[in-house]
All heavy atoms as atom14 arrays in JSON, in Angstrom:
{
  "sequence": "GIISPTFVLARRHPNLADGPRPGGPDLVHVDAYRLTTAEDIESIDLE",
  "atom14_mask": [
    [1, 1, 1, 1, 0, 0, 0, 0, 0, 0, 0, 0, 0, 0],
    [1, 1, 1, 1, 1, 1, 1, 1, 0, 0, 0, 0, 0, 0],
    [1, 1, 1, 1, 1, 1, 1, 1, 0, 0, 0, 0, 0, 0],
    [1, 1, 1, 1, 1, 1, 0, 0, 0, 0, 0, 0, 0, 0],
    [1, 1, 1, 1, 1, 1, 1, 0, 0, 0, 0, 0, 0, 0],
    [1, 1, 1, 1, 1, 1, 1, 0, 0, 0, 0, 0, 0, 0],
    [1, 1, 1, 1, 1, 1, 1, 1, 1, 1, 1, 0, 0, 0],
    [1, 1, 1, 1, 1, 1, 1, 0, 0, 0, 0, 0, 0, 0],
    [1, 1, 1, 1, 1, 1, 1, 1, 0, 0, 0, 0, 0, 0],
    [1, 1, 1, 1, 1, 0, 0, 0, 0, 0, 0, 0, 0, 0],
    [1, 1, 1, 1, 1, 1, 1, 1, 1, 1, 1, 0, 0, 0],
    [1, 1, 1, 1, 1, 1, 1, 1, 1, 1, 1, 0, 0, 0],
    [1, 1, 1, 1, 1, 1, 1, 1, 1, 1, 0, 0, 0, 0],
    [1, 1, 1, 1, 1, 1, 1, 0, 0, 0, 0, 0, 0, 0],
    [1, 1, 1, 1, 1, 1, 1, 1, 0, 0, 0, 0, 0, 0],
    [1, 1, 1, 1, 1, 1, 1, 1, 0, 0, 0, 0, 0, 0],
    [1, 1, 1, 1, 1, 0, 0, 0, 0, 0, 0, 0, 0, 0],
    [1, 1, 1, 1, 1, 1, 1, 1, 0, 0, 0, 0, 0, 0],
    [1, 1, 1, 1, 0, 0, 0, 0, 0, 0, 0, 0, 0, 0],
    [1, 1, 1, 1, 1, 1, 1, 0, 0, 0, 0, 0, 0, 0],
    [1, 1, 1, 1, 1, 1, 1, 1, 1, 1, 1, 0, 0, 0],
    [1, 1, 1, 1, 1, 1, 1, 0, 0, 0, 0, 0, 0, 0],
    [1, 1, 1, 1, 0, 0, 0, 0, 0, 0, 0, 0, 0, 0],
    [1, 1, 1, 1, 0, 0, 0, 0, 0, 0, 0, 0, 0, 0],
    [1, 1, 1, 1, 1, 1, 1, 0, 0, 0, 0, 0, 0, 0],
    [1, 1, 1, 1, 1, 1, 1, 1, 0, 0, 0, 0, 0, 0],
    [1, 1, 1, 1, 1, 1, 1, 1, 0, 0, 0, 0, 0, 0],
    [1, 1, 1, 1, 1, 1, 1, 0, 0, 0, 0, 0, 0, 0],
    [1, 1, 1, 1, 1, 1, 1, 1, 1, 1, 0, 0, 0, 0],
    [1, 1, 1, 1, 1, 1, 1, 0, 0, 0, 0, 0, 0, 0],
    [1, 1, 1, 1, 1, 1, 1, 1, 0, 0, 0, 0, 0, 0],
    [1, 1, 1, 1, 1, 0, 0, 0, 0, 0, 0, 0, 0, 0],
    [1, 1, 1, 1, 1, 1, 1, 1, 1, 1, 1, 1, 0, 0],
    [1, 1, 1, 1, 1, 1, 1, 1, 1, 1, 1, 0, 0, 0],
    [1, 1, 1, 1, 1, 1, 1, 1, 0, 0, 0, 0, 0, 0],
    [1, 1, 1, 1, 1, 1, 1, 0, 0, 0, 0, 0, 0, 0],
    [1, 1, 1, 1, 1, 1, 1, 0, 0, 0, 0, 0, 0, 0],
    [1, 1, 1, 1, 1, 0, 0, 0, 0, 0, 0, 0, 0, 0],
    [1, 1, 1, 1, 1, 1, 1, 1, 1, 0, 0, 0, 0, 0],
    [1, 1, 1, 1, 1, 1, 1, 1, 0, 0, 0, 0, 0, 0],
    [1, 1, 1, 1, 1, 1, 1, 1, 0, 0, 0, 0, 0, 0],
    [1, 1, 1, 1, 1, 1, 1, 1, 1, 0, 0, 0, 0, 0],
    [1, 1, 1, 1, 1, 1, 0, 0, 0, 0, 0, 0, 0, 0],
    [1, 1, 1, 1, 1, 1, 1, 1, 0, 0, 0, 0, 0, 0],
    [1, 1, 1, 1, 1, 1, 1, 1, 0, 0, 0, 0, 0, 0],
    [1, 1, 1, 1, 1, 1, 1, 1, 0, 0, 0, 0, 0, 0],
    [1, 1, 1, 1, 1, 1, 1, 1, 1, 0, 0, 0, 0, 0]
  ],
  "atom14_positions": [
    [[129.65, -47.22, 53.69], [130.48, -46.31, 54.25], [129.91, -44.83, 53.9], [130.75, -43.96, 54.04], [0.0, 0.0, 0.0], [0.0, 0.0, 0.0], [0.0, 0.0, 0.0], [0.0, 0.0, 0.0], [0.0, 0.0, 0.0], [0.0, 0.0, 0.0], [0.0, 0.0, 0.0], [0.0, 0.0, 0.0], [0.0, 0.0, 0.0], [0.0, 0.0, 0.0]],
    [[128.76, -44.68, 53.44], [128.25, -43.41, 53.18], [128.05, -42.71, 54.46], [127.2, -43.14, 55.34], [126.93, -43.4, 52.26], [127.24, -44.1, 50.94], [126.25, -42.09, 52.14], [126.12, -44.27, 50.09], [0.0, 0.0, 0.0], [0.0, 0.0, 0.0], [0.0, 0.0, 0.0], [0.0, 0.0, 0.0], [0.0, 0.0, 0.0], [0.0, 0.0, 0.0]],
    [[128.78, -41.66, 54.76], [128.66, -40.91, 55.93], [128.24, -39.43, 55.7], [128.32, -38.97, 54.53], [130.03, -40.9, 56.75], [131.11, -40.35, 55.94], [130.28, -42.31, 57.18], [132.34, -40.09, 56.57], [0.0, 0.0, 0.0], [0.0, 0.0, 0.0], [0.0, 0.0, 0.0], [0.0, 0.0, 0.0], [0.0, 0.0, 0.0], [0.0, 0.0, 0.0]],
    [[127.83, -38.81, 56.78], [127.63, -37.36, 56.49], [128.85, -36.63, 56.04], [129.93, -36.84, 56.5], [127.16, -36.66, 57.91], [126.86, -35.33, 57.72], [0.0, 0.0, 0.0], [0.0, 0.0, 0.0], [0.0, 0.0, 0.0], [0.0, 0.0, 0.0], [0.0, 0.0, 0.0], [0.0, 0.0, 0.0], [0.0, 0.0, 0.0], [0.0, 0.0, 0.0]],
    [[128.66, -35.9, 54.91], [129.88, -35.34, 54.34], [130.34, -33.96, 54.89], [130.92, -33.24, 54.23], [129.37, -35.11, 52.77], [127.98, -34.85, 52.97], [127.43, -35.72, 54.08], [0.0, 0.0, 0.0], [0.0, 0.0, 0.0], [0.0, 0.0, 0.0], [0.0, 0.0, 0.0], [0.0, 0.0, 0.0], [0.0, 0.0, 0.0], [0.0, 0.0, 0.0]],
    [[130.11, -33.85, 56.12], [130.33, -32.52, 56.84], [131.87, -32.2, 56.63], [132.15, -31.01, 56.45], [130.07, -32.67, 58.37], [128.77, -33.1, 58.49], [130.36, -31.39, 59.07], [0.0, 0.0, 0.0], [0.0, 0.0, 0.0], [0.0, 0.0, 0.0], [0.0, 0.0, 0.0], [0.0, 0.0, 0.0], [0.0, 0.0, 0.0], [0.0, 0.0, 0.0]],
    [[132.76, -33.16, 56.68], [134.11, -32.77, 56.6], [134.81, -33.2, 55.31], [136.01, -32.98, 55.08], [134.92, -33.45, 57.78], [134.46, -32.99, 59.06], [133.63, -33.84, 59.96], [134.6, -31.75, 59.57], [133.13, -33.45, 61.17], [134.15, -31.31, 60.83], [133.41, -32.23, 61.54], [0.0, 0.0, 0.0], [0.0, 0.0, 0.0], [0.0, 0.0, 0.0]],
    [[134.02, -33.9, 54.43], [134.54, -34.26, 53.14], [133.5, -33.6, 52.13], [132.33, -33.89, 52.19], [134.54, -35.76, 53.02], [135.04, -36.15, 51.58], [135.43, -36.35, 53.99], [0.0, 0.0, 0.0], [0.0, 0.0, 0.0], [0.0, 0.0, 0.0], [0.0, 0.0, 0.0], [0.0, 0.0, 0.0], [0.0, 0.0, 0.0], [0.0, 0.0, 0.0]],
    [[134.05, -32.73, 51.22], [133.13, -32.08, 50.34], [132.47, -32.98, 49.22], [131.4, -32.94, 49.01], [133.85, -30.93, 49.49], [134.25, -29.85, 50.49], [134.96, -28.75, 49.61], [132.98, -29.15, 51.06], [0.0, 0.0, 0.0], [0.0, 0.0, 0.0], [0.0, 0.0, 0.0], [0.0, 0.0, 0.0], [0.0, 0.0, 0.0], [0.0, 0.0, 0.0]],
    [[133.26, -34.05, 48.69], [132.76, -34.86, 47.76], [133.4, -36.25, 48.02], [134.68, -36.29, 48.12], [132.98, -34.36, 46.4], [0.0, 0.0, 0.0], [0.0, 0.0, 0.0], [0.0, 0.0, 0.0], [0.0, 0.0, 0.0], [0.0, 0.0, 0.0], [0.0, 0.0, 0.0], [0.0, 0.0, 0.0], [0.0, 0.0, 0.0], [0.0, 0.0, 0.0]],
    [[132.68, -37.33, 47.88], [133.22, -38.6, 47.97], [132.47, -39.61, 47.01], [131.32, -39.61, 46.82], [132.94, -39.22, 49.47], [133.6, -40.46, 49.74], [133.42, -40.84, 51.22], [134.16, -42.06, 51.47], [133.97, -42.72, 52.58], [133.2, -42.32, 53.5], [134.61, -43.91, 52.8], [0.0, 0.0, 0.0], [0.0, 0.0, 0.0], [0.0, 0.0, 0.0]],
    [[133.34, -40.41, 46.32], [132.82, -41.41, 45.37], [132.8, -42.69, 45.98], [133.68, -43.17, 46.53], [133.7, -41.35, 44.17], [133.18, -42.13, 43.0], [134.15, -41.97, 41.76], [133.59, -42.61, 40.7], [133.98, -42.37, 39.41], [134.91, -41.41, 39.15], [133.53, -43.11, 38.39], [0.0, 0.0, 0.0], [0.0, 0.0, 0.0], [0.0, 0.0, 0.0]],
    [[131.58, -43.3, 45.8], [131.31, -44.64, 46.24], [131.19, -45.54, 44.99], [130.21, -45.48, 44.4], [130.02, -44.69, 47.05], [130.18, -43.92, 48.35], [130.58, -44.39, 49.54], [129.88, -42.54, 48.54], [130.7, -43.38, 50.52], [130.12, -42.35, 49.84], [0.0, 0.0, 0.0], [0.0, 0.0, 0.0], [0.0, 0.0, 0.0], [0.0, 0.0, 0.0]],
    [[132.12, -46.45, 44.74], [132.11, -47.37, 43.54], [131.0, -48.48, 43.64], [130.65, -48.8, 44.79], [133.56, -48.04, 43.48], [134.15, -47.72, 44.84], [133.33, -46.67, 45.55], [0.0, 0.0, 0.0], [0.0, 0.0, 0.0], [0.0, 0.0, 0.0], [0.0, 0.0, 0.0], [0.0, 0.0, 0.0], [0.0, 0.0, 0.0], [0.0, 0.0, 0.0]],
    [[130.49, -48.75, 42.52], [129.45, -49.8, 42.36], [130.13, -51.17, 42.71], [131.29, -51.42, 42.31], [128.86, -49.84, 41.03], [127.79, -50.81, 40.85], [128.01, -52.06, 40.57], [126.55, -50.31, 40.96], [0.0, 0.0, 0.0], [0.0, 0.0, 0.0], [0.0, 0.0, 0.0], [0.0, 0.0, 0.0], [0.0, 0.0, 0.0], [0.0, 0.0, 0.0]],
    [[129.46, -52.05, 43.42], [130.01, -53.3, 43.81], [129.57, -54.37, 42.85], [128.44, -54.49, 42.48], [129.5, -53.79, 45.17], [129.97, -52.77, 46.34], [129.19, -53.17, 47.63], [131.48, -52.82, 46.58], [0.0, 0.0, 0.0], [0.0, 0.0, 0.0], [0.0, 0.0, 0.0], [0.0, 0.0, 0.0], [0.0, 0.0, 0.0], [0.0, 0.0, 0.0]],
    [[130.57, -55.18, 42.35], [130.24, -56.21, 41.41], [129.32, -57.21, 42.0], [128.52, -57.89, 41.15], [131.57, -56.97, 40.94], [0.0, 0.0, 0.0], [0.0, 0.0, 0.0], [0.0, 0.0, 0.0], [0.0, 0.0, 0.0], [0.0, 0.0, 0.0], [0.0, 0.0, 0.0], [0.0, 0.0, 0.0], [0.0, 0.0, 0.0], [0.0, 0.0, 0.0]],
    [[129.26, -57.48, 43.23], [128.32, -58.49, 43.86], [127.07, -57.74, 44.46], [126.36, -58.33, 45.3], [129.06, -59.27, 44.81], [129.62, -58.48, 46.01], [129.68, -57.23, 45.87], [130.06, -59.14, 46.96], [0.0, 0.0, 0.0], [0.0, 0.0, 0.0], [0.0, 0.0, 0.0], [0.0, 0.0, 0.0], [0.0, 0.0, 0.0], [0.0, 0.0, 0.0]],
    [[126.84, -56.5, 44.18], [125.69, -55.73, 44.69], [124.43, -55.93, 43.8], [124.44, -56.77, 42.92], [0.0, 0.0, 0.0], [0.0, 0.0, 0.0], [0.0, 0.0, 0.0], [0.0, 0.0, 0.0], [0.0, 0.0, 0.0], [0.0, 0.0, 0.0], [0.0, 0.0, 0.0], [0.0, 0.0, 0.0], [0.0, 0.0, 0.0], [0.0, 0.0, 0.0]],
    [[123.35, -55.28, 44.16], [122.11, -55.49, 43.48], [122.07, -54.91, 42.05], [121.25, -55.36, 41.25], [121.06, -54.81, 44.3], [121.85, -53.76, 45.08], [123.23, -54.34, 45.28], [0.0, 0.0, 0.0], [0.0, 0.0, 0.0], [0.0, 0.0, 0.0], [0.0, 0.0, 0.0], [0.0, 0.0, 0.0], [0.0, 0.0, 0.0], [0.0, 0.0, 0.0]],
    [[123.01, -54.14, 41.67], [123.14, -53.49, 40.33], [124.56, -53.61, 39.72], [125.19, -52.69, 39.53], [122.67, -52.14, 40.36], [121.12, -52.03, 40.37], [120.64, -50.6, 40.35], [120.85, -49.95, 39.07], [120.57, -48.74, 38.79], [120.0, -47.98, 39.68], [120.86, -48.09, 37.68], [0.0, 0.0, 0.0], [0.0, 0.0, 0.0], [0.0, 0.0, 0.0]],
    [[125.06, -54.8, 39.58], [126.43, -54.91, 39.07], [126.6, -54.15, 37.75], [125.71, -54.35, 36.88], [126.7, -56.47, 38.87], [125.49, -57.12, 39.57], [124.38, -56.14, 39.71], [0.0, 0.0, 0.0], [0.0, 0.0, 0.0], [0.0, 0.0, 0.0], [0.0, 0.0, 0.0], [0.0, 0.0, 0.0], [0.0, 0.0, 0.0], [0.0, 0.0, 0.0]],
    [[127.65, -53.42, 37.67], [127.88, -52.71, 36.48], [127.1, -51.41, 36.49], [127.18, -50.63, 35.53], [0.0, 0.0, 0.0], [0.0, 0.0, 0.0], [0.0, 0.0, 0.0], [0.0, 0.0, 0.0], [0.0, 0.0, 0.0], [0.0, 0.0, 0.0], [0.0, 0.0, 0.0], [0.0, 0.0, 0.0], [0.0, 0.0, 0.0], [0.0, 0.0, 0.0]],
    [[126.39, -51.11, 37.52], [125.58, -49.87, 37.62], [126.51, -48.63, 37.89], [127.8, -48.89, 38.06], [0.0, 0.0, 0.0], [0.0, 0.0, 0.0], [0.0, 0.0, 0.0], [0.0, 0.0, 0.0], [0.0, 0.0, 0.0], [0.0, 0.0, 0.0], [0.0, 0.0, 0.0], [0.0, 0.0, 0.0], [0.0, 0.0, 0.0], [0.0, 0.0, 0.0]],
    [[125.87, -47.52, 38.01], [126.73, -46.38, 38.17], [127.3, -46.23, 39.61], [126.71, -46.76, 40.53], [125.75, -45.24, 37.96], [124.4, -45.73, 38.29], [124.55, -47.23, 37.91], [0.0, 0.0, 0.0], [0.0, 0.0, 0.0], [0.0, 0.0, 0.0], [0.0, 0.0, 0.0], [0.0, 0.0, 0.0], [0.0, 0.0, 0.0], [0.0, 0.0, 0.0]],
    [[128.41, -45.55, 39.82], [128.89, -45.18, 41.03], [128.08, -44.06, 41.65], [127.28, -43.5, 40.92], [130.36, -44.65, 40.92], [131.34, -45.74, 40.51], [130.98, -46.89, 40.43], [132.57, -45.37, 40.27], [0.0, 0.0, 0.0], [0.0, 0.0, 0.0], [0.0, 0.0, 0.0], [0.0, 0.0, 0.0], [0.0, 0.0, 0.0], [0.0, 0.0, 0.0]],
    [[128.18, -43.79, 42.91], [127.48, -42.74, 43.57], [128.52, -41.67, 44.05], [129.45, -41.97, 44.78], [126.79, -43.21, 44.81], [126.03, -42.27, 45.67], [124.77, -41.61, 44.96], [125.5, -42.9, 47.02], [0.0, 0.0, 0.0], [0.0, 0.0, 0.0], [0.0, 0.0, 0.0], [0.0, 0.0, 0.0], [0.0, 0.0, 0.0], [0.0, 0.0, 0.0]],
    [[128.29, -40.38, 43.64], [129.03, -39.23, 44.22], [128.24, -38.53, 45.17], [127.15, -38.15, 44.82], [129.57, -38.36, 43.0], [130.31, -37.14, 43.67], [130.56, -39.13, 42.05], [0.0, 0.0, 0.0], [0.0, 0.0, 0.0], [0.0, 0.0, 0.0], [0.0, 0.0, 0.0], [0.0, 0.0, 0.0], [0.0, 0.0, 0.0], [0.0, 0.0, 0.0]],
    [[128.73, -38.46, 46.4], [127.94, -37.8, 47.49], [128.63, -36.45, 47.87], [129.83, -36.49, 48.15], [127.93, -38.78, 48.7], [127.02, -38.32, 49.88], [127.27, -38.71, 51.15], [126.06, -37.42, 49.92], [126.4, -38.15, 51.9], [125.63, -37.3, 51.2], [0.0, 0.0, 0.0], [0.0, 0.0, 0.0], [0.0, 0.0, 0.0], [0.0, 0.0, 0.0]],
    [[127.97, -35.32, 47.78], [128.56, -34.05, 47.9], [127.8, -33.32, 48.95], [126.59, -33.32, 49.12], [128.43, -33.33, 46.56], [129.03, -31.82, 46.68], [129.08, -34.07, 45.46], [0.0, 0.0, 0.0], [0.0, 0.0, 0.0], [0.0, 0.0, 0.0], [0.0, 0.0, 0.0], [0.0, 0.0, 0.0], [0.0, 0.0, 0.0], [0.0, 0.0, 0.0]],
    [[128.59, -32.48, 49.8], [127.97, -31.56, 50.69], [128.34, -30.08, 50.28], [129.51, -29.7, 50.15], [128.64, -31.67, 52.08], [128.17, -30.68, 53.16], [127.1, -30.0, 52.84], [128.6, -30.72, 54.31], [0.0, 0.0, 0.0], [0.0, 0.0, 0.0], [0.0, 0.0, 0.0], [0.0, 0.0, 0.0], [0.0, 0.0, 0.0], [0.0, 0.0, 0.0]],
    [[127.36, -29.37, 49.77], [127.57, -28.09, 49.26], [127.28, -26.94, 50.26], [127.28, -25.8, 49.9], [126.61, -27.85, 48.02], [0.0, 0.0, 0.0], [0.0, 0.0, 0.0], [0.0, 0.0, 0.0], [0.0, 0.0, 0.0], [0.0, 0.0, 0.0], [0.0, 0.0, 0.0], [0.0, 0.0, 0.0], [0.0, 0.0, 0.0], [0.0, 0.0, 0.0]],
    [[127.14, -27.38, 51.58], [126.74, -26.39, 52.53], [127.77, -25.28, 52.64], [127.33, -24.06, 52.85], [126.64, -27.19, 53.91], [126.29, -26.27, 55.04], [124.97, -25.74, 55.15], [127.21, -25.91, 56.1], [124.66, -24.91, 56.22], [126.83, -25.11, 57.16], [125.56, -24.6, 57.21], [125.3, -23.73, 58.27], [0.0, 0.0, 0.0], [0.0, 0.0, 0.0]],
    [[128.99, -25.66, 52.53], [130.13, -24.59, 52.71], [130.55, -23.99, 51.48], [131.42, -23.19, 51.43], [131.34, -25.22, 53.54], [130.92, -25.5, 55.03], [132.06, -26.17, 55.66], [131.97, -27.63, 55.24], [133.1, -28.3, 55.08], [134.26, -27.85, 55.41], [132.99, -29.51, 54.74], [0.0, 0.0, 0.0], [0.0, 0.0, 0.0], [0.0, 0.0, 0.0]],
    [[129.96, -24.48, 50.3], [130.3, -23.94, 49.05], [129.42, -22.7, 48.73], [128.29, -22.86, 48.73], [130.09, -24.98, 47.97], [130.86, -26.27, 48.18], [130.49, -27.29, 46.96], [132.32, -26.02, 48.22], [0.0, 0.0, 0.0], [0.0, 0.0, 0.0], [0.0, 0.0, 0.0], [0.0, 0.0, 0.0], [0.0, 0.0, 0.0], [0.0, 0.0, 0.0]],
    [[130.14, -21.56, 48.52], [129.29, -20.37, 48.34], [129.51, -19.69, 46.98], [128.59, -18.9, 46.56], [129.66, -19.3, 49.5], [131.08, -19.13, 49.52], [129.26, -19.82, 50.79], [0.0, 0.0, 0.0], [0.0, 0.0, 0.0], [0.0, 0.0, 0.0], [0.0, 0.0, 0.0], [0.0, 0.0, 0.0], [0.0, 0.0, 0.0], [0.0, 0.0, 0.0]],
    [[130.62, -19.96, 46.37], [130.85, -19.26, 45.06], [130.94, -20.29, 43.91], [131.15, -21.5, 44.1], [132.32, -18.5, 45.1], [133.28, -19.41, 45.26], [132.3, -17.53, 46.38], [0.0, 0.0, 0.0], [0.0, 0.0, 0.0], [0.0, 0.0, 0.0], [0.0, 0.0, 0.0], [0.0, 0.0, 0.0], [0.0, 0.0, 0.0], [0.0, 0.0, 0.0]],
    [[130.85, -19.8, 42.75], [131.03, -20.65, 41.51], [132.38, -21.34, 41.52], [132.47, -22.48, 41.17], [130.84, -19.85, 40.32], [0.0, 0.0, 0.0], [0.0, 0.0, 0.0], [0.0, 0.0, 0.0], [0.0, 0.0, 0.0], [0.0, 0.0, 0.0], [0.0, 0.0, 0.0], [0.0, 0.0, 0.0], [0.0, 0.0, 0.0], [0.0, 0.0, 0.0]],
    [[133.38, -20.59, 42.0], [134.81, -21.21, 42.06], [134.8, -22.38, 43.04], [135.44, -23.34, 42.78], [135.78, -20.15, 42.48], [136.06, -19.02, 41.49], [134.89, -17.89, 41.45], [134.3, -17.7, 42.52], [134.74, -17.42, 40.4], [0.0, 0.0, 0.0], [0.0, 0.0, 0.0], [0.0, 0.0, 0.0], [0.0, 0.0, 0.0], [0.0, 0.0, 0.0]],
    [[134.06, -22.18, 44.2], [134.03, -23.35, 45.2], [133.35, -24.57, 44.46], [133.94, -25.7, 44.74], [133.19, -23.01, 46.37], [133.8, -21.89, 47.19], [135.05, -21.73, 47.15], [133.01, -21.35, 48.02], [0.0, 0.0, 0.0], [0.0, 0.0, 0.0], [0.0, 0.0, 0.0], [0.0, 0.0, 0.0], [0.0, 0.0, 0.0], [0.0, 0.0, 0.0]],
    [[132.32, -24.37, 43.74], [131.73, -25.54, 43.08], [132.63, -26.08, 42.01], [132.76, -27.3, 41.95], [130.41, -25.05, 42.31], [129.42, -24.51, 43.38], [129.79, -26.26, 41.56], [128.87, -25.47, 44.46], [0.0, 0.0, 0.0], [0.0, 0.0, 0.0], [0.0, 0.0, 0.0], [0.0, 0.0, 0.0], [0.0, 0.0, 0.0], [0.0, 0.0, 0.0]],
    [[133.3, -25.3, 41.28], [134.25, -25.78, 40.2], [135.39, -26.51, 40.89], [135.99, -27.4, 40.22], [134.74, -24.59, 39.39], [133.66, -24.11, 38.4], [134.16, -22.91, 37.62], [135.38, -22.84, 37.29], [133.34, -22.17, 37.16], [0.0, 0.0, 0.0], [0.0, 0.0, 0.0], [0.0, 0.0, 0.0], [0.0, 0.0, 0.0], [0.0, 0.0, 0.0]],
    [[135.81, -26.13, 42.01], [137.05, -26.82, 42.57], [136.86, -28.19, 43.05], [137.82, -28.94, 43.13], [137.44, -25.91, 43.9], [136.57, -26.23, 44.98], [0.0, 0.0, 0.0], [0.0, 0.0, 0.0], [0.0, 0.0, 0.0], [0.0, 0.0, 0.0], [0.0, 0.0, 0.0], [0.0, 0.0, 0.0], [0.0, 0.0, 0.0], [0.0, 0.0, 0.0]],
    [[135.57, -28.71, 43.08], [135.41, -30.11, 43.37], [135.22, -30.93, 42.11], [135.05, -32.15, 42.3], [134.37, -30.34, 44.4], [132.97, -29.75, 44.04], [134.64, -29.74, 45.76], [131.84, -30.05, 44.95], [0.0, 0.0, 0.0], [0.0, 0.0, 0.0], [0.0, 0.0, 0.0], [0.0, 0.0, 0.0], [0.0, 0.0, 0.0], [0.0, 0.0, 0.0]],
    [[135.25, -30.39, 41.02], [135.38, -31.11, 39.8], [134.26, -32.05, 39.47], [134.38, -33.2, 39.08], [136.73, -31.84, 39.53], [137.81, -30.84, 39.45], [137.78, -29.79, 38.93], [138.95, -31.21, 40.08], [0.0, 0.0, 0.0], [0.0, 0.0, 0.0], [0.0, 0.0, 0.0], [0.0, 0.0, 0.0], [0.0, 0.0, 0.0], [0.0, 0.0, 0.0]],
    [[133.0, -31.58, 39.85], [131.79, -32.49, 39.66], [131.62, -32.74, 38.12], [131.12, -33.92, 37.78], [130.57, -31.85, 40.22], [130.51, -31.76, 41.73], [129.23, -31.04, 42.18], [130.52, -33.18, 42.31], [0.0, 0.0, 0.0], [0.0, 0.0, 0.0], [0.0, 0.0, 0.0], [0.0, 0.0, 0.0], [0.0, 0.0, 0.0], [0.0, 0.0, 0.0]],
    [[132.08, -31.88, 37.3], [131.83, -32.11, 35.8], [132.56, -33.37, 35.43], [132.13, -34.05, 34.32], [132.41, -30.87, 35.02], [131.65, -29.62, 35.3], [132.18, -28.8, 36.5], [133.18, -29.24, 37.17], [131.63, -27.76, 36.74], [0.0, 0.0, 0.0], [0.0, 0.0, 0.0], [0.0, 0.0, 0.0], [0.0, 0.0, 0.0], [0.0, 0.0, 0.0]]
  ]
}
């Protein structure tokens, strides 16, 4: 379900237990196109 993040700034995709890397990391997919200031970046809590 990884889609173009045009309308969602950040989306987390959890690792699947039955996938090729069980126990591996999740994937966070971010669109920074509309983020222009440091406050914008901080607001999506990537840290």
